[in-house]
Amino acid sequence: MENIMEIIDLSKNENPLGCSRLAQSRAVQALTQLHRYPCQGAFEEQLAERHGFHANQVFVANGASEIMDLLARSQMQPGLNAVTTRGSFAAYSMITANAGGRMRVPSVTADMESDMSSVETCMDENTRIVWLSRPNNPTGTLVPKQAIINLALAHEKAIVVCDEAYIEYVTEAEESLLSEATLPENLVVLRSFSKLHGIAGLRIGYAVTSPELANELRKLQLAFSVSSVAIAAATGALEDEAFQDRSRETARHARVLLQQTFSGLDVAYLSSVCNFVSFEVDDTRRTHAQLQERGFLVRELEAFGLPRHVRVSTGTIPQTQRFTQAITELVTQQHR
């Protein structure tokens, strides 16, 4: 019988531990009520209490991507623009273009960390949205939160969107913008259940913003766009702090293994605080193919504005150890 190699997917920044058993249990329980329409109001109240905001400031949606789409459609039109950093989430440009706007991209600092002064230089009177990731995907860098607050305060005409999909991988809870007592009226903070919580397949995320912006989003959202199963699973995921801690520690350990391996091989990489590391190669397509031959899927980053970088997600510790062996073999062969 032909030996079929197991492919380990380290291309999408998914949680290699899956999701918590409590989240699964809540999702299964919700299946008994599939004849009922979903209600997200109670979940929004729960999230508001968790973060110390009012319920009318929280907006739950079918993934953070739905919120981005609604924001772009509410703000963009031909002649208007959005700004993001080079080396940021590729979807920002696509969502902006789909809504009729134009994306403007400034430079970044030498270590790939977003430079807010260069973002401001790129803004003009037609800028309506600033898309920022914190920590940034795919560079893994963490812009100081005060810099984002200052940007929003200085440019009240634009909506500053801070995507915190990966913030829960940062150990210090106070690093989140949601630890602030108040936020600028034009600041939108996005959160996801697809990463640390591991329920990417159910599509659920939320925004915390001003009551006015949250109300605008509710007017644009299709009725019942968030399933009752997703809400139930997300509720369970938030309660399972032990699973969150285990997922965070697994990612930290795997990230250290990856970065130590790259350092030992003299492979340039971007220092990350997330569940992924991006590293530099001569040919991204060739590296992608060679790693796939060895049983690993990784992400080429040309679409993110980094044409010489590849991103690898943290897997389980055994998966990550296997990857470090594969990349060591590959680099060693190339240097012969």
C-alpha atoms as a PDB file:
ATOM      1  CA  MET A   1       0.000   0.000   0.000  1.00  0.00           C
ATOM      2  CA  GLU A   2       1.304   3.469  -0.881  1.00  0.00           C
ATOM      3  CA  ASN A   3       2.585   5.433   2.116  1.00  0.00           C
ATOM      4  CA  ILE A   4       0.645   8.699   2.312  1.00  0.00           C
ATOM      5  CA  MET A   5       2.482  11.410   4.253  1.00  0.00           C
ATOM      6  CA  GLU A   6       0.549  13.235   6.959  1.00  0.00           C
ATOM      7  CA  ILE A   7       0.340  16.930   6.129  1.00  0.00           C
ATOM      8  CA  ILE A   8       0.595  19.265   9.119  1.00  0.00           C
ATOM      9  CA  ASP A   9      -1.120  22.572   8.356  1.00  0.00           C
ATOM     10  CA  LEU A  10       0.851  25.417   9.933  1.00  0.00           C
ATOM     11  CA  SER A  11      -0.429  28.053   7.496  1.00  0.00           C
ATOM     12  CA  LYS A  12      -3.551  29.514   9.137  1.00  0.00           C
ATOM     13  CA  ASN A  13      -2.588  30.340  12.750  1.00  0.00           C
ATOM     14  CA  GLU A  14      -5.159  27.898  14.101  1.00  0.00           C
ATOM     15  CA  ASN A  15      -5.063  26.514  17.639  1.00  0.00           C
ATOM     16  CA  PRO A  16      -3.349  23.097  17.347  1.00  0.00           C
ATOM     17  CA  LEU A  17      -5.066  21.975  20.578  1.00  0.00           C
ATOM     18  CA  GLY A  18      -8.493  22.410  18.972  1.00  0.00           C
ATOM     19  CA  CYS A  19     -11.093  24.080  21.176  1.00  0.00           C
ATOM     20  CA  SER A  20     -12.012  23.538  24.802  1.00  0.00           C
ATOM     21  CA  ARG A  21     -14.252  20.674  25.820  1.00  0.00           C
ATOM     22  CA  LEU A  22     -16.522  23.164  27.548  1.00  0.00           C
ATOM     23  CA  ALA A  23     -16.968  25.065  24.278  1.00  0.00           C
ATOM     24  CA  GLN A  24     -17.761  21.787  22.507  1.00  0.00           C
ATOM     25  CA  SER A  25     -20.227  20.787  25.205  1.00  0.00           C
ATOM     26  CA  ARG A  26     -22.068  24.106  25.014  1.00  0.00           C
ATOM     27  CA  ALA A  27     -22.228  23.845  21.224  1.00  0.00           C
ATOM     28  CA  VAL A  28     -23.725  20.353  21.419  1.00  0.00           C
ATOM     29  CA  GLN A  29     -26.296  21.517  23.970  1.00  0.00           C
ATOM     30  CA  ALA A  30     -27.306  24.338  21.615  1.00  0.00           C
ATOM     31  CA  LEU A  31     -28.127  21.788  18.913  1.00  0.00           C
ATOM     32  CA  THR A  32     -31.283  20.862  20.831  1.00  0.00           C
ATOM     33  CA  GLN A  33     -32.614  24.387  20.171  1.00  0.00           C
ATOM     34  CA  LEU A  34     -31.938  24.714  16.476  1.00  0.00           C
ATOM     35  CA  HIS A  35     -35.583  25.522  15.820  1.00  0.00           C
ATOM     36  CA  ARG A  36     -35.093  28.808  17.718  1.00  0.00           C
ATOM     37  CA  TYR A  37     -33.651  31.961  16.169  1.00  0.00           C
ATOM     38  CA  PRO A  38     -30.395  33.097  17.791  1.00  0.00           C
ATOM     39  CA  CYS A  39     -30.241  36.006  20.232  1.00  0.00           C
ATOM     40  CA  GLN A  40     -26.915  37.765  20.664  1.00  0.00           C
ATOM     41  CA  GLY A  41     -28.043  40.477  23.093  1.00  0.00           C
ATOM     42  CA  ALA A  42     -27.338  38.444  26.221  1.00  0.00           C
ATOM     43  CA  PHE A  43     -23.879  37.542  24.931  1.00  0.00           C
ATOM     44  CA  GLU A  44     -23.122  41.190  24.205  1.00  0.00           C
ATOM     45  CA  GLU A  45     -24.072  42.007  27.793  1.00  0.00           C
ATOM     46  CA  GLN A  46     -21.729  39.269  29.033  1.00  0.00           C
ATOM     47  CA  LEU A  47     -18.855  40.624  26.953  1.00  0.00           C
ATOM     48  CA  ALA A  48     -19.553  44.173  28.133  1.00  0.00           C
ATOM     49  CA  GLU A  49     -19.380  43.094  31.763  1.00  0.00           C
ATOM     50  CA  ARG A  50     -16.184  41.137  31.094  1.00  0.00           C
ATOM     51  CA  HIS A  51     -14.403  44.186  29.693  1.00  0.00           C
ATOM     52  CA  GLY A  52     -16.018  46.916  31.776  1.00  0.00           C
ATOM     53  CA  PHE A  53     -18.008  48.638  29.029  1.00  0.00           C
ATOM     54  CA  HIS A  54     -21.713  49.200  28.393  1.00  0.00           C
ATOM     55  CA  ALA A  55     -23.661  46.627  26.382  1.00  0.00           C
ATOM     56  CA  ASN A  56     -24.487  49.236  23.718  1.00  0.00           C
ATOM     57  CA  GLN A  57     -20.743  49.479  23.013  1.00  0.00           C
ATOM     58  CA  VAL A  58     -20.393  45.789  22.133  1.00  0.00           C
ATOM     59  CA  PHE A  59     -21.295  44.368  18.737  1.00  0.00           C
ATOM     60  CA  VAL A  60     -21.192  40.627  18.033  1.00  0.00           C
ATOM     61  CA  ALA A  61     -20.868  39.410  14.443  1.00  0.00           C
ATOM     62  CA  ASN A  62     -20.162  36.451  12.179  1.00  0.00           C
ATOM     63  CA  GLY A  63     -16.432  36.705  12.762  1.00  0.00           C
ATOM     64  CA  ALA A  64     -14.361  39.876  12.982  1.00  0.00           C
ATOM     65  CA  SER A  65     -14.266  39.801   9.174  1.00  0.00           C
ATOM     66  CA  GLU A  66     -17.992  40.631   9.034  1.00  0.00           C
ATOM     67  CA  ILE A  67     -17.374  43.676  11.208  1.00  0.00           C
ATOM     68  CA  MET A  68     -14.556  44.822   8.913  1.00  0.00           C
ATOM     69  CA  ASP A  69     -16.821  44.415   5.895  1.00  0.00           C
ATOM     70  CA  LEU A  70     -19.637  46.396   7.548  1.00  0.00           C
ATOM     71  CA  LEU A  71     -17.234  49.180   8.539  1.00  0.00           C
ATOM     72  CA  ALA A  72     -15.819  49.420   5.029  1.00  0.00           C
ATOM     73  CA  ARG A  73     -19.260  49.470   3.415  1.00  0.00           C
ATOM     74  CA  SER A  74     -20.405  52.183   5.821  1.00  0.00           C
ATOM     75  CA  GLN A  75     -17.374  54.428   5.234  1.00  0.00           C
ATOM     76  CA  MET A  76     -15.846  53.737   1.811  1.00  0.00           C
ATOM     77  CA  GLN A  77     -16.818  55.026  -1.604  1.00  0.00           C
ATOM     78  CA  PRO A  78     -14.886  56.047  -4.729  1.00  0.00           C
ATOM     79  CA  GLY A  79     -12.564  58.934  -3.921  1.00  0.00           C
ATOM     80  CA  LEU A  80     -12.102  57.942  -0.275  1.00  0.00           C
ATOM     81  CA  ASN A  81      -9.264  55.880   1.141  1.00  0.00           C
ATOM     82  CA  ALA A  82      -8.098  53.718   4.007  1.00  0.00           C
ATOM     83  CA  VAL A  83      -4.598  53.404   5.439  1.00  0.00           C
ATOM     84  CA  THR A  84      -2.809  50.364   6.786  1.00  0.00           C
ATOM     85  CA  THR A  85       0.790  49.380   7.462  1.00  0.00           C
ATOM     86  CA  ARG A  86       2.991  47.455   5.067  1.00  0.00           C
ATOM     87  CA  GLY A  87       3.137  43.855   6.148  1.00  0.00           C
ATOM     88  CA  SER A  88      -0.384  43.778   7.610  1.00  0.00           C
ATOM     89  CA  PHE A  89      -3.380  41.456   7.231  1.00  0.00           C
ATOM     90  CA  ALA A  90      -4.080  41.037   3.498  1.00  0.00           C
ATOM     91  CA  ALA A  91      -7.860  41.145   3.977  1.00  0.00           C
ATOM     92  CA  TYR A  92      -7.785  44.862   4.838  1.00  0.00           C
ATOM     93  CA  SER A  93      -6.898  45.812   1.260  1.00  0.00           C
ATOM     94  CA  MET A  94      -9.445  43.427  -0.236  1.00  0.00           C
ATOM     95  CA  ILE A  95     -12.268  44.639   2.017  1.00  0.00           C
ATOM     96  CA  THR A  96     -11.433  48.276   1.286  1.00  0.00           C
ATOM     97  CA  ALA A  97     -11.366  47.700  -2.473  1.00  0.00           C
ATOM     98  CA  ASN A  98     -14.631  45.741  -2.420  1.00  0.00           C
ATOM     99  CA  ALA A  99     -16.307  48.734  -0.770  1.00  0.00           C
ATOM    100  CA  GLY A 100     -15.026  51.113  -3.464  1.00  0.00           C
ATOM    101  CA  GLY A 101     -12.184  52.683  -1.496  1.00  0.00           C
ATOM    102  CA  ARG A 102      -8.462  52.902  -2.170  1.00  0.00           C
ATOM    103  CA  MET A 103      -5.784  51.561   0.164  1.00  0.00           C
ATOM    104  CA  ARG A 104      -2.743  53.640   1.047  1.00  0.00           C
ATOM    105  CA  VAL A 105       0.287  51.927   2.560  1.00  0.00           C
ATOM    106  CA  PRO A 106       3.156  53.760   4.297  1.00  0.00           C
ATOM    107  CA  SER A 107       6.595  52.486   5.173  1.00  0.00           C
ATOM    108  CA  VAL A 108       7.536  50.603   8.348  1.00  0.00           C
ATOM    109  CA  THR A 109      10.511  50.745  10.669  1.00  0.00           C
ATOM    110  CA  ALA A 110      13.535  48.526  10.208  1.00  0.00           C
ATOM    111  CA  ASP A 111      12.259  45.875  12.614  1.00  0.00           C
ATOM    112  CA  MET A 112       8.922  45.777  10.786  1.00  0.00           C
ATOM    113  CA  GLU A 113       7.028  47.350  13.686  1.00  0.00           C
ATOM    114  CA  SER A 114       4.359  49.777  12.563  1.00  0.00           C
ATOM    115  CA  ASP A 115       5.405  53.403  12.761  1.00  0.00           C
ATOM    116  CA  MET A 116       2.409  55.586  13.634  1.00  0.00           C
ATOM    117  CA  SER A 117       4.114  58.701  12.303  1.00  0.00           C
ATOM    118  CA  SER A 118       4.388  57.101   8.865  1.00  0.00           C
ATOM    119  CA  VAL A 119       0.712  56.115   9.080  1.00  0.00           C
ATOM    120  CA  GLU A 120      -0.210  59.737   9.797  1.00  0.00           C
ATOM    121  CA  THR A 121       1.935  60.921   6.888  1.00  0.00           C
ATOM    122  CA  CYS A 122      -0.100  58.682   4.596  1.00  0.00           C
ATOM    123  CA  MET A 123      -3.447  60.036   5.818  1.00  0.00           C
ATOM    124  CA  ASP A 124      -5.257  62.926   4.138  1.00  0.00           C
ATOM    125  CA  GLU A 125      -8.687  64.596   4.139  1.00  0.00           C
ATOM    126  CA  ASN A 126     -10.153  61.598   2.305  1.00  0.00           C
ATOM    127  CA  THR A 127      -8.989  58.972   4.807  1.00  0.00           C
ATOM    128  CA  ARG A 128     -11.961  57.318   6.501  1.00  0.00           C
ATOM    129  CA  ILE A 129     -10.471  54.142   8.023  1.00  0.00           C
ATOM    130  CA  VAL A 130      -7.106  53.183   9.497  1.00  0.00           C
ATOM    131  CA  TRP A 131      -6.657  49.399   9.718  1.00  0.00           C
ATOM    132  CA  LEU A 132      -4.200  48.235  12.370  1.00  0.00           C
ATOM    133  CA  SER A 133      -3.396  44.792  13.794  1.00  0.00           C
ATOM    134  CA  ARG A 134      -2.199  44.576  17.377  1.00  0.00           C
ATOM    135  CA  PRO A 135      -0.257  42.323  17.563  1.00  0.00           C
ATOM    136  CA  ASN A 136       0.317  42.588  13.857  1.00  0.00           C
ATOM    137  CA  ASN A 137      -0.291  39.660  11.518  1.00  0.00           C
ATOM    138  CA  PRO A 138       2.039  38.510   9.962  1.00  0.00           C
ATOM    139  CA  THR A 139       4.971  40.324  11.619  1.00  0.00           C
ATOM    140  CA  GLY A 140       3.971  39.477  15.205  1.00  0.00           C
ATOM    141  CA  THR A 141       4.945  42.904  16.517  1.00  0.00           C
ATOM    142  CA  LEU A 142       3.063  44.864  19.179  1.00  0.00           C
ATOM    143  CA  VAL A 143       2.560  48.611  18.735  1.00  0.00           C
ATOM    144  CA  PRO A 144       2.243  50.512  22.060  1.00  0.00           C
ATOM    145  CA  LYS A 145      -1.445  50.983  22.740  1.00  0.00           C
ATOM    146  CA  GLN A 146      -1.008  54.648  23.631  1.00  0.00           C
ATOM    147  CA  ALA A 147       0.246  55.278  20.096  1.00  0.00           C
ATOM    148  CA  ILE A 148      -3.052  53.966  18.717  1.00  0.00           C
ATOM    149  CA  ILE A 149      -5.107  55.992  21.189  1.00  0.00           C
ATOM    150  CA  ASN A 150      -3.147  59.127  20.264  1.00  0.00           C
ATOM    151  CA  LEU A 151      -3.704  58.440  16.562  1.00  0.00           C
ATOM    152  CA  ALA A 152      -7.471  58.161  17.067  1.00  0.00           C
ATOM    153  CA  LEU A 153      -7.598  61.338  19.168  1.00  0.00           C
ATOM    154  CA  ALA A 154      -5.611  63.286  16.581  1.00  0.00           C
ATOM    155  CA  HIS A 155      -7.758  62.191  13.615  1.00  0.00           C
ATOM    156  CA  GLU A 156     -11.387  62.240  14.698  1.00  0.00           C
ATOM    157  CA  LYS A 157     -12.629  62.243  11.094  1.00  0.00           C
ATOM    158  CA  ALA A 158     -11.259  58.738  10.521  1.00  0.00           C
ATOM    159  CA  ILE A 159     -12.261  55.481  12.191  1.00  0.00           C
ATOM    160  CA  VAL A 160      -9.250  53.713  13.684  1.00  0.00           C
ATOM    161  CA  VAL A 161      -9.800  49.942  13.682  1.00  0.00           C
ATOM    162  CA  CYS A 162      -7.511  47.967  15.970  1.00  0.00           C
ATOM    163  CA  ASP A 163      -7.671  44.249  15.265  1.00  0.00           C
ATOM    164  CA  GLU A 164      -6.772  42.395  18.474  1.00  0.00           C
ATOM    165  CA  ALA A 165      -7.320  38.887  17.128  1.00  0.00           C
ATOM    166  CA  TYR A 166      -4.001  37.770  18.617  1.00  0.00           C
ATOM    167  CA  ILE A 167      -3.833  39.900  21.778  1.00  0.00           C
ATOM    168  CA  GLU A 168      -4.770  36.972  24.023  1.00  0.00           C
ATOM    169  CA  TYR A 169      -1.424  35.362  23.197  1.00  0.00           C
ATOM    170  CA  VAL A 170       0.253  38.290  24.970  1.00  0.00           C
ATOM    171  CA  THR A 171       0.770  37.383  28.624  1.00  0.00           C
ATOM    172  CA  GLU A 172       0.161  40.849  30.076  1.00  0.00           C
ATOM    173  CA  ALA A 173      -3.617  41.417  30.112  1.00  0.00           C
ATOM    174  CA  GLU A 174      -3.172  45.179  30.462  1.00  0.00           C
ATOM    175  CA  GLU A 175      -1.642  45.244  26.968  1.00  0.00           C
ATOM    176  CA  SER A 176      -5.141  45.115  25.448  1.00  0.00           C
ATOM    177  CA  LEU A 177      -6.855  48.364  24.535  1.00  0.00           C
ATOM    178  CA  LEU A 178      -9.899  46.920  26.302  1.00  0.00           C
ATOM    179  CA  SER A 179      -8.075  47.354  29.617  1.00  0.00           C
ATOM    180  CA  GLU A 180      -8.532  51.111  29.215  1.00  0.00           C
ATOM    181  CA  ALA A 181     -11.362  52.728  31.188  1.00  0.00           C
ATOM    182  CA  THR A 182     -12.499  54.710  28.160  1.00  0.00           C
ATOM    183  CA  LEU A 183     -11.760  54.653  24.445  1.00  0.00           C
ATOM    184  CA  PRO A 184     -11.834  57.427  21.811  1.00  0.00           C
ATOM    185  CA  GLU A 185     -15.227  57.646  20.095  1.00  0.00           C
ATOM    186  CA  ASN A 186     -13.704  56.802  16.702  1.00  0.00           C
ATOM    187  CA  LEU A 187     -11.763  53.737  17.874  1.00  0.00           C
ATOM    188  CA  VAL A 188     -13.024  50.210  17.131  1.00  0.00           C
ATOM    189  CA  VAL A 189     -11.361  47.264  18.896  1.00  0.00           C
ATOM    190  CA  LEU A 190     -11.923  43.860  17.288  1.00  0.00           C
ATOM    191  CA  ARG A 191     -11.703  40.486  19.000  1.00  0.00           C
ATOM    192  CA  SER A 192     -11.893  36.963  17.563  1.00  0.00           C
ATOM    193  CA  PHE A 193     -12.727  33.488  18.849  1.00  0.00           C
ATOM    194  CA  SER A 194     -10.842  31.860  15.965  1.00  0.00           C
ATOM    195  CA  LYS A 195      -7.326  31.976  17.421  1.00  0.00           C
ATOM    196  CA  LEU A 196      -6.687  31.281  21.118  1.00  0.00           C
ATOM    197  CA  HIS A 197     -10.212  29.929  21.655  1.00  0.00           C
ATOM    198  CA  GLY A 198     -10.015  27.603  18.660  1.00  0.00           C
ATOM    199  CA  ILE A 199     -13.557  27.880  17.250  1.00  0.00           C
ATOM    200  CA  ALA A 200     -12.674  29.266  13.816  1.00  0.00           C
ATOM    201  CA  GLY A 201     -15.179  26.949  12.134  1.00  0.00           C
ATOM    202  CA  LEU A 202     -18.172  28.596  13.803  1.00  0.00           C
ATOM    203  CA  ARG A 203     -17.340  32.197  12.825  1.00  0.00           C
ATOM    204  CA  ILE A 204     -17.872  34.578  15.725  1.00  0.00           C
ATOM    205  CA  GLY A 205     -16.137  37.769  16.803  1.00  0.00           C
ATOM    206  CA  TYR A 206     -17.002  41.116  18.324  1.00  0.00           C
ATOM    207  CA  ALA A 207     -16.204  44.809  18.413  1.00  0.00           C
ATOM    208  CA  VAL A 208     -16.029  47.258  21.288  1.00  0.00           C
ATOM    209  CA  THR A 209     -16.546  50.857  20.231  1.00  0.00           C
ATOM    210  CA  SER A 210     -18.724  53.906  20.828  1.00  0.00           C
ATOM    211  CA  PRO A 211     -22.504  53.402  21.095  1.00  0.00           C
ATOM    212  CA  GLU A 212     -22.931  55.452  17.924  1.00  0.00           C
ATOM    213  CA  LEU A 213     -20.624  53.289  15.812  1.00  0.00           C
ATOM    214  CA  ALA A 214     -22.012  50.080  17.301  1.00  0.00           C
ATOM    215  CA  ASN A 215     -25.510  51.227  16.380  1.00  0.00           C
ATOM    216  CA  GLU A 216     -24.412  51.970  12.798  1.00  0.00           C
ATOM    217  CA  LEU A 217     -23.056  48.437  12.517  1.00  0.00           C
ATOM    218  CA  ARG A 218     -26.295  46.933  13.849  1.00  0.00           C
ATOM    219  CA  LYS A 219     -28.271  48.761  11.171  1.00  0.00           C
ATOM    220  CA  LEU A 220     -26.134  47.194   8.436  1.00  0.00           C
ATOM    221  CA  GLN A 221     -25.942  43.671   9.825  1.00  0.00           C
ATOM    222  CA  LEU A 222     -28.226  41.015   8.394  1.00  0.00           C
ATOM    223  CA  ALA A 223     -30.665  39.604  10.944  1.00  0.00           C
ATOM    224  CA  PHE A 224     -29.506  36.488  12.807  1.00  0.00           C
ATOM    225  CA  SER A 225     -26.077  36.432  11.142  1.00  0.00           C
ATOM    226  CA  VAL A 226     -24.492  34.865  14.248  1.00  0.00           C
ATOM    227  CA  SER A 227     -25.647  31.314  14.960  1.00  0.00           C
ATOM    228  CA  SER A 228     -26.870  30.156  18.353  1.00  0.00           C
ATOM    229  CA  VAL A 229     -24.292  27.341  18.229  1.00  0.00           C
ATOM    230  CA  ALA A 230     -21.468  29.848  17.774  1.00  0.00           C
ATOM    231  CA  ILE A 231     -22.718  31.985  20.672  1.00  0.00           C
ATOM    232  CA  ALA A 232     -22.991  28.939  22.923  1.00  0.00           C
ATOM    233  CA  ALA A 233     -19.489  27.729  22.035  1.00  0.00           C
ATOM    234  CA  ALA A 234     -18.002  31.190  22.558  1.00  0.00           C
ATOM    235  CA  THR A 235     -19.661  31.457  25.967  1.00  0.00           C
ATOM    236  CA  GLY A 236     -18.091  28.160  26.991  1.00  0.00           C
ATOM    237  CA  ALA A 237     -14.719  29.157  25.561  1.00  0.00           C
ATOM    238  CA  LEU A 238     -14.580  32.292  27.694  1.00  0.00           C
ATOM    239  CA  GLU A 239     -15.288  30.283  30.845  1.00  0.00           C
ATOM    240  CA  ASP A 240     -12.555  27.723  30.210  1.00  0.00           C
ATOM    241  CA  GLU A 241      -9.558  29.657  31.482  1.00  0.00           C
ATOM    242  CA  ALA A 242      -7.499  26.499  31.962  1.00  0.00           C
ATOM    243  CA  PHE A 243      -7.728  25.747  28.235  1.00  0.00           C
ATOM    244  CA  GLN A 244      -6.772  29.346  27.432  1.00  0.00           C
ATOM    245  CA  ASP A 245      -3.704  29.087  29.674  1.00  0.00           C
ATOM    246  CA  ARG A 246      -2.694  25.772  28.116  1.00  0.00           C
ATOM    247  CA  SER A 247      -3.104  27.151  24.593  1.00  0.00           C
ATOM    248  CA  ARG A 248      -1.106  30.266  25.440  1.00  0.00           C
ATOM    249  CA  GLU A 249       1.723  28.259  26.995  1.00  0.00           C
ATOM    250  CA  THR A 250       1.834  25.807  24.071  1.00  0.00           C
ATOM    251  CA  ALA A 251       2.135  28.715  21.640  1.00  0.00           C
ATOM    252  CA  ARG A 252       4.839  30.386  23.748  1.00  0.00           C
ATOM    253  CA  HIS A 253       6.900  27.186  23.994  1.00  0.00           C
ATOM    254  CA  ALA A 254       6.551  26.446  20.276  1.00  0.00           C
ATOM    255  CA  ARG A 255       7.415  30.035  19.359  1.00  0.00           C
ATOM    256  CA  VAL A 256      10.607  29.855  21.400  1.00  0.00           C
ATOM    257  CA  LEU A 257      11.542  26.597  19.653  1.00  0.00           C
ATOM    258  CA  LEU A 258      10.995  28.175  16.238  1.00  0.00           C
ATOM    259  CA  GLN A 259      12.933  31.332  17.025  1.00  0.00           C
ATOM    260  CA  GLN A 260      15.828  29.410  18.575  1.00  0.00           C
ATOM    261  CA  THR A 261      15.982  27.194  15.501  1.00  0.00           C
ATOM    262  CA  PHE A 262      16.021  30.145  13.103  1.00  0.00           C
ATOM    263  CA  SER A 263      18.714  31.856  15.176  1.00  0.00           C
ATOM    264  CA  GLY A 264      20.829  28.691  15.171  1.00  0.00           C
ATOM    265  CA  LEU A 265      20.500  28.400  11.395  1.00  0.00           C
ATOM    266  CA  ASP A 266      21.273  32.108  10.878  1.00  0.00           C
ATOM    267  CA  VAL A 267      17.861  32.535   9.231  1.00  0.00           C
ATOM    268  CA  ALA A 268      16.465  36.049   9.611  1.00  0.00           C
ATOM    269  CA  TYR A 269      13.056  36.154  11.293  1.00  0.00           C
ATOM    270  CA  LEU A 270      10.662  38.711  12.744  1.00  0.00           C
ATOM    271  CA  SER A 271      10.479  38.561  16.532  1.00  0.00           C
ATOM    272  CA  SER A 272       6.898  37.647  17.403  1.00  0.00           C
ATOM    273  CA  VAL A 273       4.644  37.718  20.471  1.00  0.00           C
ATOM    274  CA  CYS A 274       1.960  35.620  18.742  1.00  0.00           C
ATOM    275  CA  ASN A 275       1.301  32.028  17.685  1.00  0.00           C
ATOM    276  CA  PHE A 276       3.384  32.362  14.527  1.00  0.00           C
ATOM    277  CA  VAL A 277       6.818  33.415  13.314  1.00  0.00           C
ATOM    278  CA  SER A 278       7.634  34.891   9.903  1.00  0.00           C
ATOM    279  CA  PHE A 279      11.054  34.190   8.453  1.00  0.00           C
ATOM    280  CA  GLU A 280      13.006  35.362   5.437  1.00  0.00           C
ATOM    281  CA  VAL A 281      13.887  33.117   2.482  1.00  0.00           C
ATOM    282  CA  ASP A 282      15.371  33.592  -0.981  1.00  0.00           C
ATOM    283  CA  ASP A 283      12.386  32.099  -2.816  1.00  0.00           C
ATOM    284  CA  THR A 284       9.036  31.802  -1.009  1.00  0.00           C
ATOM    285  CA  ARG A 285       7.402  29.541  -3.599  1.00  0.00           C
ATOM    286  CA  ARG A 286      10.298  27.128  -3.600  1.00  0.00           C
ATOM    287  CA  THR A 287      10.440  27.073   0.212  1.00  0.00           C
ATOM    288  CA  HIS A 288       6.685  26.483   0.385  1.00  0.00           C
ATOM    289  CA  ALA A 289       6.980  23.549  -2.039  1.00  0.00           C
ATOM    290  CA  GLN A 290       9.999  22.065  -0.288  1.00  0.00           C
ATOM    291  CA  LEU A 291       8.327  22.201   3.110  1.00  0.00           C
ATOM    292  CA  GLN A 292       5.155  20.687   1.670  1.00  0.00           C
ATOM    293  CA  GLU A 293       7.238  17.822   0.342  1.00  0.00           C
ATOM    294  CA  ARG A 294       8.363  17.312   3.936  1.00  0.00           C
ATOM    295  CA  GLY A 295       4.782  17.336   5.229  1.00  0.00           C
ATOM    296  CA  PHE A 296       4.174  20.974   6.228  1.00  0.00           C
ATOM    297  CA  LEU A 297       1.940  23.751   4.919  1.00  0.00           C
ATOM    298  CA  VAL A 298       3.148  27.304   5.567  1.00  0.00           C
ATOM    299  CA  ARG A 299       2.011  30.709   4.293  1.00  0.00           C
ATOM    300  CA  GLU A 300       3.772  32.760   1.645  1.00  0.00           C
ATOM    301  CA  LEU A 301       3.495  36.468   2.494  1.00  0.00           C
ATOM    302  CA  GLU A 302       3.656  38.280  -0.837  1.00  0.00           C
ATOM    303  CA  ALA A 303      -0.049  39.183  -0.517  1.00  0.00           C
ATOM    304  CA  PHE A 304       0.789  40.770   2.851  1.00  0.00           C
ATOM    305  CA  GLY A 305       3.453  42.997   1.315  1.00  0.00           C
ATOM    306  CA  LEU A 306       6.376  40.786   2.404  1.00  0.00           C
ATOM    307  CA  PRO A 307       7.512  39.033  -0.806  1.00  0.00           C
ATOM    308  CA  ARG A 308      10.573  37.406   0.790  1.00  0.00           C
ATOM    309  CA  HIS A 309       8.921  36.061   3.931  1.00  0.00           C
ATOM    310  CA  VAL A 310       7.098  32.882   4.905  1.00  0.00           C
ATOM    311  CA  ARG A 311       4.928  32.533   8.028  1.00  0.00           C
ATOM    312  CA  VAL A 312       4.759  29.369  10.103  1.00  0.00           C
ATOM    313  CA  SER A 313       2.167  28.878  12.833  1.00  0.00           C
ATOM    314  CA  THR A 314       2.991  27.307  16.164  1.00  0.00           C
ATOM    315  CA  GLY A 315       1.783  23.708  16.291  1.00  0.00           C
ATOM    316  CA  THR A 316       1.741  21.291  19.153  1.00  0.00           C
ATOM    317  CA  ILE A 317       5.199  20.802  20.644  1.00  0.00           C
ATOM    318  CA  PRO A 318       5.745  17.493  18.736  1.00  0.00           C
ATOM    319  CA  GLN A 319       4.552  19.133  15.489  1.00  0.00           C
ATOM    320  CA  THR A 320       6.822  22.120  16.041  1.00  0.00           C
ATOM    321  CA  GLN A 321       9.782  19.869  16.809  1.00  0.00           C
ATOM    322  CA  ARG A 322       9.157  18.005  13.542  1.00  0.00           C
ATOM    323  CA  PHE A 323       9.034  21.307  11.687  1.00  0.00           C
ATOM    324  CA  THR A 324      12.315  22.488  13.204  1.00  0.00           C
ATOM    325  CA  GLN A 325      13.907  19.229  12.035  1.00  0.00           C
ATOM    326  CA  ALA A 326      12.513  19.744   8.528  1.00  0.00           C
ATOM    327  CA  ILE A 327      13.648  23.364   8.228  1.00  0.00           C
ATOM    328  CA  THR A 328      17.074  22.433   9.616  1.00  0.00           C
ATOM    329  CA  GLU A 329      17.464  19.725   6.969  1.00  0.00           C
ATOM    330  CA  LEU A 330      16.296  22.112   4.256  1.00  0.00           C
ATOM    331  CA  VAL A 331      18.624  24.962   5.206  1.00  0.00           C
ATOM    332  CA  THR A 332      21.564  22.585   5.685  1.00  0.00           C
ATOM    333  CA  GLN A 333      21.048  21.123   2.191  1.00  0.00           C
ATOM    334  CA  GLN A 334      20.851  24.593   0.645  1.00  0.00           C
ATOM    335  CA  HIS A 335      24.175  25.604   2.222  1.00  0.00           C
ATOM    336  CA  ARG A 336      26.108  22.577   0.985  1.00  0.00           C
END
